[in-house]
N, C-alpha and C. Protein backbone atom coordinates (compact mmCIF):
# COMPACT_ATOMS: atom_id res chain seq x y z
N MET A 1 60.82 117.45 78.37
CA MET A 1 61.32 118.80 78.32
C MET A 1 62.03 119.13 79.61
N GLY A 2 63.09 119.82 79.52
CA GLY A 2 63.87 120.13 80.72
C GLY A 2 64.78 118.98 81.04
N GLY A 3 64.40 118.13 81.95
CA GLY A 3 65.15 116.93 82.31
C GLY A 3 66.53 117.25 82.88
N PRO A 4 67.21 116.23 83.37
CA PRO A 4 68.54 116.44 83.95
C PRO A 4 69.57 116.75 82.85
N PRO A 5 70.62 117.48 83.23
CA PRO A 5 71.68 117.75 82.25
C PRO A 5 72.40 116.46 81.89
N PRO A 6 72.96 116.39 80.68
CA PRO A 6 73.68 115.17 80.29
C PRO A 6 74.90 114.95 81.18
N ILE A 7 75.21 113.68 81.41
CA ILE A 7 76.39 113.34 82.22
C ILE A 7 77.62 113.44 81.33
N LYS A 8 78.63 114.15 81.82
CA LYS A 8 79.84 114.36 81.04
C LYS A 8 80.82 113.20 81.20
N SER A 9 81.68 113.06 80.20
CA SER A 9 82.74 112.06 80.24
C SER A 9 83.79 112.48 81.26
N CYS A 10 84.35 111.52 81.98
CA CYS A 10 85.38 111.80 82.99
C CYS A 10 86.64 112.37 82.34
N ASN A 11 87.16 113.43 82.92
CA ASN A 11 88.45 114.00 82.50
C ASN A 11 89.49 113.63 83.55
N TRP A 12 90.67 113.20 83.11
CA TRP A 12 91.71 112.74 84.03
C TRP A 12 92.99 113.56 83.87
N VAL A 13 93.67 113.80 84.99
CA VAL A 13 94.99 114.43 85.01
C VAL A 13 95.93 113.53 85.81
N ASN A 14 97.22 113.71 85.69
CA ASN A 14 98.20 112.90 86.43
C ASN A 14 98.98 113.77 87.41
N ASP A 15 98.27 114.51 88.25
CA ASP A 15 98.98 115.37 89.19
C ASP A 15 98.44 115.29 90.62
N GLU A 16 97.75 114.21 90.95
CA GLU A 16 97.23 114.05 92.30
C GLU A 16 98.27 113.40 93.21
N ARG A 17 98.03 113.49 94.51
CA ARG A 17 99.00 112.99 95.51
C ARG A 17 98.23 112.51 96.73
N VAL A 18 98.63 111.35 97.26
CA VAL A 18 98.11 110.88 98.55
C VAL A 18 99.25 110.94 99.56
N VAL A 19 98.92 111.38 100.77
CA VAL A 19 99.93 111.55 101.83
C VAL A 19 99.41 110.89 103.10
N TYR A 20 100.30 110.17 103.79
CA TYR A 20 99.92 109.45 105.00
C TYR A 20 100.73 109.95 106.18
N GLN A 21 100.01 110.24 107.27
CA GLN A 21 100.66 110.68 108.50
C GLN A 21 101.14 109.46 109.27
N ASP A 22 102.39 109.50 109.75
CA ASP A 22 102.96 108.41 110.55
C ASP A 22 102.79 107.06 109.86
N LEU A 23 103.32 106.94 108.65
CA LEU A 23 103.18 105.71 107.87
C LEU A 23 103.73 104.50 108.62
N LYS A 24 102.91 103.45 108.70
CA LYS A 24 103.32 102.19 109.34
C LYS A 24 102.72 101.05 108.54
N LEU A 25 103.57 100.33 107.83
CA LEU A 25 103.13 99.11 107.16
C LEU A 25 103.44 97.97 108.11
N ILE A 26 102.41 97.42 108.73
CA ILE A 26 102.57 96.42 109.79
C ILE A 26 102.30 95.04 109.22
N TYR A 27 103.20 94.11 109.52
CA TYR A 27 102.98 92.70 109.16
C TYR A 27 103.26 91.86 110.39
N ALA A 28 102.24 91.16 110.87
CA ALA A 28 102.38 90.34 112.06
C ALA A 28 102.02 88.89 111.78
N GLY A 29 102.08 88.49 110.51
CA GLY A 29 101.69 87.14 110.12
C GLY A 29 102.80 86.13 110.32
N ALA A 30 102.70 85.03 109.55
CA ALA A 30 103.64 83.92 109.63
C ALA A 30 105.07 84.40 109.37
N ASP A 31 106.02 83.72 109.96
CA ASP A 31 107.42 84.08 109.79
C ASP A 31 107.86 83.80 108.35
N LEU A 32 108.47 84.79 107.74
CA LEU A 32 108.95 84.67 106.37
C LEU A 32 110.47 84.77 106.34
N LEU A 33 111.09 83.90 105.56
CA LEU A 33 112.54 83.94 105.42
C LEU A 33 112.94 85.27 104.80
N ASN A 34 113.91 85.93 105.34
CA ASN A 34 114.47 87.19 104.88
C ASN A 34 113.60 88.42 105.12
N TYR A 35 112.34 88.28 105.49
CA TYR A 35 111.49 89.46 105.69
C TYR A 35 112.05 90.37 106.78
N ARG A 36 112.36 89.79 107.93
CA ARG A 36 112.90 90.59 109.03
C ARG A 36 114.30 91.12 108.71
N PHE A 37 115.07 90.35 107.93
CA PHE A 37 116.39 90.81 107.49
C PHE A 37 116.24 92.06 106.62
N ILE A 38 115.27 92.07 105.73
CA ILE A 38 115.06 93.20 104.82
C ILE A 38 114.48 94.40 105.55
N TYR A 39 113.42 94.19 106.33
CA TYR A 39 112.67 95.30 106.90
C TYR A 39 112.87 95.54 108.40
N GLY A 40 113.51 94.62 109.09
CA GLY A 40 113.68 94.77 110.53
C GLY A 40 112.47 94.24 111.29
N ASP A 41 112.45 94.47 112.60
CA ASP A 41 111.39 93.92 113.46
C ASP A 41 110.16 94.82 113.55
N GLY A 42 110.32 96.10 113.34
CA GLY A 42 109.19 97.03 113.47
C GLY A 42 108.45 97.20 112.17
N PRO A 43 107.50 98.14 112.16
CA PRO A 43 106.76 98.40 110.92
C PRO A 43 107.65 99.09 109.88
N ILE A 44 107.28 98.96 108.63
CA ILE A 44 107.95 99.68 107.54
C ILE A 44 107.42 101.10 107.59
N THR A 45 108.29 102.10 107.55
CA THR A 45 107.87 103.49 107.70
C THR A 45 108.11 104.33 106.45
N SER A 46 108.34 103.68 105.32
CA SER A 46 108.55 104.40 104.07
C SER A 46 108.04 103.58 102.90
N PHE A 47 107.22 104.20 102.04
CA PHE A 47 106.75 103.51 100.84
C PHE A 47 107.92 103.06 99.98
N SER A 48 108.94 103.91 99.82
CA SER A 48 110.06 103.58 98.93
C SER A 48 110.88 102.41 99.44
N SER A 49 110.79 102.07 100.72
CA SER A 49 111.51 100.92 101.26
C SER A 49 111.07 99.60 100.64
N ILE A 50 109.86 99.58 100.07
CA ILE A 50 109.34 98.37 99.44
C ILE A 50 110.24 97.93 98.28
N PHE A 51 110.95 98.89 97.67
CA PHE A 51 111.76 98.59 96.48
C PHE A 51 113.26 98.58 96.74
N CYS A 52 113.68 98.81 97.95
CA CYS A 52 115.09 99.07 98.24
C CYS A 52 115.87 97.82 98.63
N CYS A 53 117.06 97.74 98.17
CA CYS A 53 118.12 96.96 98.80
C CYS A 53 118.20 95.45 98.62
N HIS A 54 117.19 94.74 98.24
CA HIS A 54 117.27 93.29 98.27
C HIS A 54 116.63 92.69 97.02
N ASN A 55 117.18 91.60 96.53
CA ASN A 55 116.70 90.97 95.30
C ASN A 55 115.23 90.58 95.38
N GLU A 56 114.74 90.15 96.55
CA GLU A 56 113.35 89.74 96.69
C GLU A 56 112.38 90.90 96.44
N GLN A 57 112.85 92.13 96.59
CA GLN A 57 111.98 93.29 96.43
C GLN A 57 111.78 93.71 94.98
N LYS A 58 112.47 93.10 94.04
CA LYS A 58 112.34 93.49 92.64
C LYS A 58 110.98 93.12 92.05
N LYS A 59 110.22 92.26 92.70
CA LYS A 59 108.87 91.92 92.26
C LYS A 59 107.81 92.71 93.01
N SER A 60 108.23 93.61 93.91
CA SER A 60 107.29 94.41 94.69
C SER A 60 106.61 95.45 93.80
N GLU A 61 105.45 95.92 94.26
CA GLU A 61 104.75 96.96 93.51
C GLU A 61 103.80 97.72 94.42
N ILE A 62 103.49 98.93 93.99
CA ILE A 62 102.47 99.74 94.64
C ILE A 62 101.46 100.09 93.55
N LYS A 63 100.20 99.79 93.82
CA LYS A 63 99.14 100.05 92.84
C LYS A 63 98.13 100.98 93.49
N VAL A 64 97.82 102.08 92.80
CA VAL A 64 96.84 103.04 93.29
C VAL A 64 95.69 103.08 92.29
N THR A 65 94.49 102.71 92.73
CA THR A 65 93.31 102.69 91.87
C THR A 65 92.38 103.81 92.29
N THR A 66 91.99 104.63 91.32
CA THR A 66 91.11 105.77 91.57
C THR A 66 89.82 105.57 90.78
N LYS A 67 88.68 105.69 91.48
CA LYS A 67 87.36 105.55 90.84
C LYS A 67 86.61 106.87 90.95
N ALA A 68 86.20 107.40 89.79
CA ALA A 68 85.46 108.65 89.75
C ALA A 68 83.97 108.40 89.97
N ASN A 69 83.27 109.46 90.37
CA ASN A 69 81.82 109.38 90.59
C ASN A 69 81.11 110.39 89.69
N GLY A 70 79.97 110.00 89.13
CA GLY A 70 79.12 110.94 88.43
C GLY A 70 79.60 111.38 87.07
N CYS A 71 80.47 110.63 86.43
CA CYS A 71 80.87 110.92 85.06
C CYS A 71 80.92 109.58 84.31
N THR A 72 81.03 109.63 83.00
CA THR A 72 80.96 108.42 82.19
C THR A 72 82.30 108.19 81.49
N GLY A 73 82.34 107.14 80.69
CA GLY A 73 83.57 106.81 79.96
C GLY A 73 84.51 106.04 80.85
N THR A 74 85.76 106.45 80.91
CA THR A 74 86.74 105.81 81.79
C THR A 74 86.49 106.32 83.20
N THR A 75 85.89 105.47 84.05
CA THR A 75 85.53 105.88 85.41
C THR A 75 86.53 105.41 86.45
N SER A 76 87.54 104.65 86.02
CA SER A 76 88.55 104.15 86.95
C SER A 76 89.90 104.11 86.26
N LYS A 77 90.93 104.49 86.99
CA LYS A 77 92.30 104.40 86.47
C LYS A 77 93.20 103.83 87.55
N THR A 78 94.23 103.10 87.10
CA THR A 78 95.19 102.50 88.03
C THR A 78 96.60 102.96 87.66
N ASP A 79 97.34 103.40 88.68
CA ASP A 79 98.74 103.75 88.52
C ASP A 79 99.55 102.66 89.20
N LEU A 80 100.51 102.08 88.47
CA LEU A 80 101.32 100.98 88.98
C LEU A 80 102.77 101.41 89.08
N PHE A 81 103.36 101.25 90.27
CA PHE A 81 104.76 101.60 90.50
C PHE A 81 105.52 100.33 90.84
N THR A 82 106.61 100.11 90.12
CA THR A 82 107.44 98.92 90.28
C THR A 82 108.88 99.34 90.57
N PHE A 83 109.75 98.36 90.73
CA PHE A 83 111.17 98.62 90.95
C PHE A 83 111.75 99.51 89.85
N ASP A 84 111.26 99.36 88.63
CA ASP A 84 111.81 100.09 87.49
C ASP A 84 111.30 101.52 87.35
N ASN A 85 110.15 101.88 87.95
CA ASN A 85 109.61 103.21 87.70
C ASN A 85 109.18 103.98 88.95
N TYR A 86 109.51 103.52 90.14
CA TYR A 86 108.98 104.14 91.35
C TYR A 86 109.68 105.44 91.76
N ALA A 87 110.93 105.65 91.39
CA ALA A 87 111.75 106.70 91.96
C ALA A 87 111.15 108.11 91.84
N ARG A 88 110.51 108.42 90.76
CA ARG A 88 109.98 109.76 90.55
C ARG A 88 108.69 110.03 91.33
N SER A 89 107.96 108.99 91.71
CA SER A 89 106.63 109.20 92.27
C SER A 89 106.41 108.67 93.68
N VAL A 90 107.24 107.76 94.15
CA VAL A 90 107.02 107.13 95.46
C VAL A 90 108.02 107.70 96.46
N GLY A 91 107.47 108.34 97.51
CA GLY A 91 108.31 108.95 98.53
C GLY A 91 108.27 108.19 99.84
N ILE A 92 108.64 108.88 100.89
CA ILE A 92 108.65 108.25 102.22
C ILE A 92 107.22 107.98 102.69
N ASN A 93 106.38 109.02 102.69
CA ASN A 93 105.00 108.85 103.17
C ASN A 93 103.96 109.33 102.15
N ASP A 94 104.38 109.49 100.88
CA ASP A 94 103.44 109.95 99.87
C ASP A 94 103.67 109.27 98.53
N ILE A 95 102.65 109.33 97.67
CA ILE A 95 102.73 108.82 96.31
C ILE A 95 102.19 109.93 95.41
N ARG A 96 103.01 110.35 94.44
CA ARG A 96 102.70 111.50 93.59
C ARG A 96 102.41 111.08 92.15
N ASN A 97 102.01 112.06 91.33
CA ASN A 97 101.76 111.86 89.90
C ASN A 97 100.68 110.82 89.66
N LEU A 98 99.64 110.86 90.47
CA LEU A 98 98.54 109.89 90.37
C LEU A 98 97.45 110.41 89.45
N SER A 99 96.74 109.49 88.80
CA SER A 99 95.59 109.83 87.99
C SER A 99 94.46 110.30 88.91
N GLY A 100 93.84 111.41 88.53
CA GLY A 100 92.70 111.92 89.29
C GLY A 100 91.70 112.57 88.36
N PRO A 101 90.41 112.38 88.63
CA PRO A 101 89.39 112.98 87.79
C PRO A 101 89.22 114.46 88.13
N THR A 102 89.04 115.29 87.10
CA THR A 102 88.83 116.73 87.34
C THR A 102 87.36 117.07 87.44
N ASN A 103 86.48 116.18 87.03
CA ASN A 103 85.05 116.49 87.05
C ASN A 103 84.22 115.40 87.73
N SER A 104 84.78 114.78 88.74
CA SER A 104 84.04 113.77 89.50
C SER A 104 82.97 114.47 90.34
N ASN A 105 81.86 113.79 90.56
CA ASN A 105 80.81 114.30 91.42
C ASN A 105 81.20 113.95 92.86
N GLY A 106 81.75 114.89 93.58
CA GLY A 106 82.30 114.62 94.90
C GLY A 106 83.70 114.04 94.77
N PHE A 107 84.25 113.58 95.88
CA PHE A 107 85.60 113.04 95.86
C PHE A 107 85.63 111.63 95.27
N PRO A 108 86.70 111.29 94.55
CA PRO A 108 86.82 109.93 94.03
C PRO A 108 87.20 108.96 95.15
N GLN A 109 87.07 107.68 94.87
CA GLN A 109 87.51 106.64 95.80
C GLN A 109 88.93 106.24 95.40
N VAL A 110 89.87 106.29 96.35
CA VAL A 110 91.26 105.97 96.07
C VAL A 110 91.70 104.81 96.97
N THR A 111 92.19 103.73 96.34
CA THR A 111 92.66 102.56 97.08
C THR A 111 94.13 102.34 96.77
N VAL A 112 94.93 102.20 97.82
CA VAL A 112 96.37 101.94 97.69
C VAL A 112 96.61 100.49 98.08
N GLU A 113 97.29 99.73 97.20
CA GLU A 113 97.66 98.35 97.49
C GLU A 113 99.17 98.23 97.33
N ILE A 114 99.83 97.76 98.37
CA ILE A 114 101.28 97.58 98.37
C ILE A 114 101.55 96.09 98.42
N LYS A 115 102.45 95.63 97.58
CA LYS A 115 102.76 94.19 97.50
C LYS A 115 104.28 94.05 97.59
N SER A 116 104.75 93.37 98.62
CA SER A 116 106.18 93.14 98.83
C SER A 116 106.51 91.68 98.59
N GLY A 117 107.58 91.44 97.86
CA GLY A 117 107.97 90.04 97.65
C GLY A 117 108.57 89.84 96.29
N ILE A 118 108.78 88.67 96.01
CA ILE A 118 108.27 87.38 96.47
C ILE A 118 109.04 86.97 97.75
N HIS A 119 108.28 86.54 98.76
CA HIS A 119 108.85 86.05 100.02
C HIS A 119 108.53 84.57 100.14
N ARG A 120 109.36 83.88 100.93
CA ARG A 120 109.16 82.46 101.17
C ARG A 120 108.90 82.26 102.66
N ALA A 121 107.78 81.58 102.96
CA ALA A 121 107.45 81.25 104.35
C ALA A 121 108.36 80.12 104.82
N THR A 122 108.46 79.95 106.12
CA THR A 122 109.32 78.90 106.67
C THR A 122 108.85 77.51 106.26
N ASN A 123 107.56 77.36 105.88
CA ASN A 123 107.07 76.06 105.43
C ASN A 123 107.30 75.84 103.93
N GLY A 124 107.96 76.79 103.25
CA GLY A 124 108.28 76.66 101.84
C GLY A 124 107.31 77.34 100.89
N THR A 125 106.15 77.76 101.39
CA THR A 125 105.17 78.45 100.56
C THR A 125 105.72 79.80 100.13
N GLN A 126 105.48 80.16 98.87
CA GLN A 126 105.93 81.45 98.38
C GLN A 126 104.75 82.37 98.16
N GLY A 127 104.98 83.68 98.32
CA GLY A 127 103.91 84.64 98.12
C GLY A 127 104.37 86.05 98.39
N TYR A 128 103.41 86.91 98.58
CA TYR A 128 103.65 88.33 98.82
C TYR A 128 103.04 88.74 100.15
N VAL A 129 103.62 89.78 100.77
CA VAL A 129 102.95 90.46 101.86
C VAL A 129 102.20 91.61 101.19
N VAL A 130 100.89 91.71 101.46
CA VAL A 130 100.05 92.70 100.80
C VAL A 130 99.38 93.58 101.86
N TRP A 131 99.49 94.89 101.64
CA TRP A 131 98.80 95.88 102.45
C TRP A 131 97.84 96.61 101.53
N SER A 132 96.59 96.80 101.95
CA SER A 132 95.62 97.50 101.11
C SER A 132 94.76 98.39 101.98
N LYS A 133 94.48 99.60 101.47
CA LYS A 133 93.68 100.53 102.24
C LYS A 133 92.99 101.50 101.29
N THR A 134 91.70 101.74 101.54
CA THR A 134 90.96 102.75 100.80
C THR A 134 91.00 104.03 101.61
N ALA A 135 91.35 105.13 100.93
CA ALA A 135 91.47 106.43 101.60
C ALA A 135 90.12 106.88 102.14
N SER A 136 90.17 107.80 103.08
CA SER A 136 88.94 108.35 103.66
C SER A 136 88.16 109.11 102.59
N ALA A 137 87.01 109.65 102.98
CA ALA A 137 86.12 110.33 102.04
C ALA A 137 86.81 111.43 101.24
N GLU A 138 87.81 112.07 101.80
CA GLU A 138 88.56 113.11 101.08
C GLU A 138 89.98 112.56 100.84
N PRO A 139 90.20 111.84 99.73
CA PRO A 139 91.43 111.07 99.55
C PRO A 139 92.72 111.88 99.42
N TYR A 140 92.61 113.15 99.05
CA TYR A 140 93.84 113.94 98.85
C TYR A 140 94.18 114.77 100.08
N ALA A 141 93.44 114.58 101.18
CA ALA A 141 93.78 115.18 102.46
C ALA A 141 94.72 114.22 103.19
N LEU A 142 95.37 114.67 104.25
CA LEU A 142 96.27 113.83 105.03
C LEU A 142 95.52 112.61 105.57
N GLN A 143 96.06 111.41 105.33
CA GLN A 143 95.42 110.15 105.69
C GLN A 143 96.10 109.49 106.89
N ASN A 144 95.35 108.62 107.58
CA ASN A 144 95.92 107.79 108.64
C ASN A 144 96.88 106.80 107.98
N GLY A 145 98.09 106.71 108.50
CA GLY A 145 99.13 105.92 107.84
C GLY A 145 99.30 104.48 108.28
N THR A 146 98.38 103.91 109.02
CA THR A 146 98.52 102.53 109.48
C THR A 146 97.87 101.56 108.49
N PHE A 147 98.68 100.66 107.95
CA PHE A 147 98.22 99.60 107.05
C PHE A 147 98.55 98.27 107.72
N ASN A 148 97.64 97.32 107.70
CA ASN A 148 97.91 95.98 108.23
C ASN A 148 98.04 95.00 107.07
N GLY A 149 99.16 94.29 107.02
CA GLY A 149 99.46 93.40 105.91
C GLY A 149 99.13 91.96 106.18
N VAL A 150 98.92 91.22 105.10
CA VAL A 150 98.68 89.78 105.17
C VAL A 150 99.57 89.08 104.14
N PHE A 151 99.90 87.83 104.41
CA PHE A 151 100.68 87.03 103.46
C PHE A 151 99.71 86.36 102.51
N LYS A 152 99.93 86.52 101.21
CA LYS A 152 99.10 85.88 100.20
C LYS A 152 99.97 84.95 99.39
N ALA A 153 99.69 83.66 99.50
CA ALA A 153 100.47 82.64 98.79
C ALA A 153 100.20 82.72 97.29
N ILE A 154 101.20 82.37 96.52
CA ILE A 154 101.08 82.28 95.07
C ILE A 154 100.69 80.85 94.73
N ALA A 155 99.71 80.69 93.84
CA ALA A 155 99.31 79.35 93.41
C ALA A 155 100.50 78.68 92.76
N SER A 156 100.82 77.48 93.19
CA SER A 156 101.98 76.77 92.66
C SER A 156 101.54 75.39 92.19
N THR A 157 102.04 74.99 91.03
CA THR A 157 101.75 73.65 90.52
C THR A 157 103.06 72.99 90.15
N SER A 158 103.05 71.71 90.08
CA SER A 158 104.25 70.99 89.67
C SER A 158 104.36 71.03 88.16
N GLY A 159 105.48 71.51 87.67
CA GLY A 159 105.67 71.64 86.22
C GLY A 159 106.33 70.41 85.63
N VAL A 160 106.56 70.46 84.35
CA VAL A 160 107.26 69.38 83.64
C VAL A 160 108.67 69.28 84.20
N SER A 161 109.20 68.13 84.31
CA SER A 161 110.54 67.83 84.84
C SER A 161 110.69 68.23 86.31
N GLY A 162 109.55 68.34 87.03
CA GLY A 162 109.62 68.56 88.47
C GLY A 162 109.89 69.98 88.90
N SER A 163 110.05 70.95 88.00
CA SER A 163 110.29 72.33 88.43
C SER A 163 108.97 72.97 88.80
N ASP A 164 109.00 73.92 89.72
CA ASP A 164 107.79 74.61 90.14
C ASP A 164 107.44 75.71 89.16
N ILE A 165 106.16 75.88 88.91
CA ILE A 165 105.65 76.96 88.09
C ILE A 165 104.79 77.84 88.99
N ILE A 166 105.02 79.13 88.96
CA ILE A 166 104.22 80.07 89.73
C ILE A 166 103.26 80.74 88.77
N LEU A 167 101.98 80.75 89.12
CA LEU A 167 100.99 81.49 88.35
C LEU A 167 100.78 82.81 89.07
N GLU A 168 101.10 83.92 88.41
CA GLU A 168 100.98 85.22 89.03
C GLU A 168 100.03 86.08 88.23
N ARG A 169 99.13 86.77 88.94
CA ARG A 169 98.21 87.69 88.30
C ARG A 169 98.93 89.02 88.11
N VAL A 170 99.07 89.45 86.86
CA VAL A 170 99.85 90.64 86.54
C VAL A 170 98.97 91.64 85.79
N TYR A 171 99.10 92.91 86.15
CA TYR A 171 98.34 93.97 85.49
C TYR A 171 99.13 94.46 84.29
N VAL A 172 98.63 94.20 83.07
CA VAL A 172 99.33 94.55 81.84
C VAL A 172 98.33 95.18 80.87
N GLY A 173 98.68 96.35 80.34
CA GLY A 173 97.86 96.97 79.32
C GLY A 173 96.42 97.20 79.72
N GLY A 174 96.18 97.57 80.98
CA GLY A 174 94.84 97.89 81.42
C GLY A 174 94.00 96.71 81.86
N GLU A 175 94.59 95.51 81.94
CA GLU A 175 93.84 94.34 82.40
C GLU A 175 94.76 93.36 83.12
N TYR A 176 94.15 92.48 83.93
CA TYR A 176 94.90 91.46 84.63
C TYR A 176 95.04 90.23 83.74
N ARG A 177 96.24 89.64 83.76
CA ARG A 177 96.49 88.40 83.03
C ARG A 177 97.24 87.45 83.94
N MET A 178 97.07 86.15 83.70
CA MET A 178 97.84 85.16 84.46
C MET A 178 99.15 84.92 83.72
N LEU A 179 100.25 84.98 84.46
CA LEU A 179 101.57 84.83 83.88
C LEU A 179 102.26 83.67 84.59
N GLU A 180 102.87 82.76 83.82
CA GLU A 180 103.59 81.64 84.41
C GLU A 180 105.05 82.02 84.57
N LEU A 181 105.57 81.83 85.77
CA LEU A 181 106.98 82.10 86.06
C LEU A 181 107.60 80.82 86.58
N SER A 182 108.76 80.50 86.11
CA SER A 182 109.47 79.31 86.59
C SER A 182 110.36 79.70 87.76
N LEU A 183 110.34 78.91 88.83
CA LEU A 183 111.19 79.19 89.97
C LEU A 183 112.66 79.12 89.61
N GLU A 184 112.99 78.30 88.63
CA GLU A 184 114.39 78.19 88.22
C GLU A 184 114.91 79.53 87.73
N LYS A 185 114.05 80.36 87.15
CA LYS A 185 114.46 81.66 86.64
C LYS A 185 114.44 82.73 87.72
N LEU A 186 113.64 82.51 88.80
CA LEU A 186 113.54 83.52 89.86
C LEU A 186 114.65 83.39 90.89
N TYR A 187 115.13 82.16 91.14
CA TYR A 187 116.10 81.96 92.23
C TYR A 187 117.37 81.34 91.69
């Protein structure tokens, strides 16, 4: 008798926004062909620059994952921005139109992952520069804008007739799938 109230199902809206003060996407790893040509020597200071100006950036993406607390059902949502759909939501230092829970118990956890590439290292390895950061306890307040990036190589195997096959993990229809891409089609 009495007992705790029932836990409600998570309700989601697409009107949240994350904003970063003094945005700096820093990459200090191995030298990558064309990386400095595309972005210059200093840090990247705009989210939208990830998609601008160069053929290598057409595979870039920004993924924002939001996890709700204290509700049931769909407790996590991911918003994915690519070269084809970023213009309306990705700004200089902010990302708009994000999924956010309206009935989370406390603030949700928001993680931003930025992936630039495909880039080629000077040793021939191909991969992405990835920056990832989980927002502070209050994710929709102004955040610290410093992200440190790392180079993540793409698994490569030798294909039939000697062409390289890239296995890439792609987020499609609410789940990750492995997708084979031929280098002959990319370059």
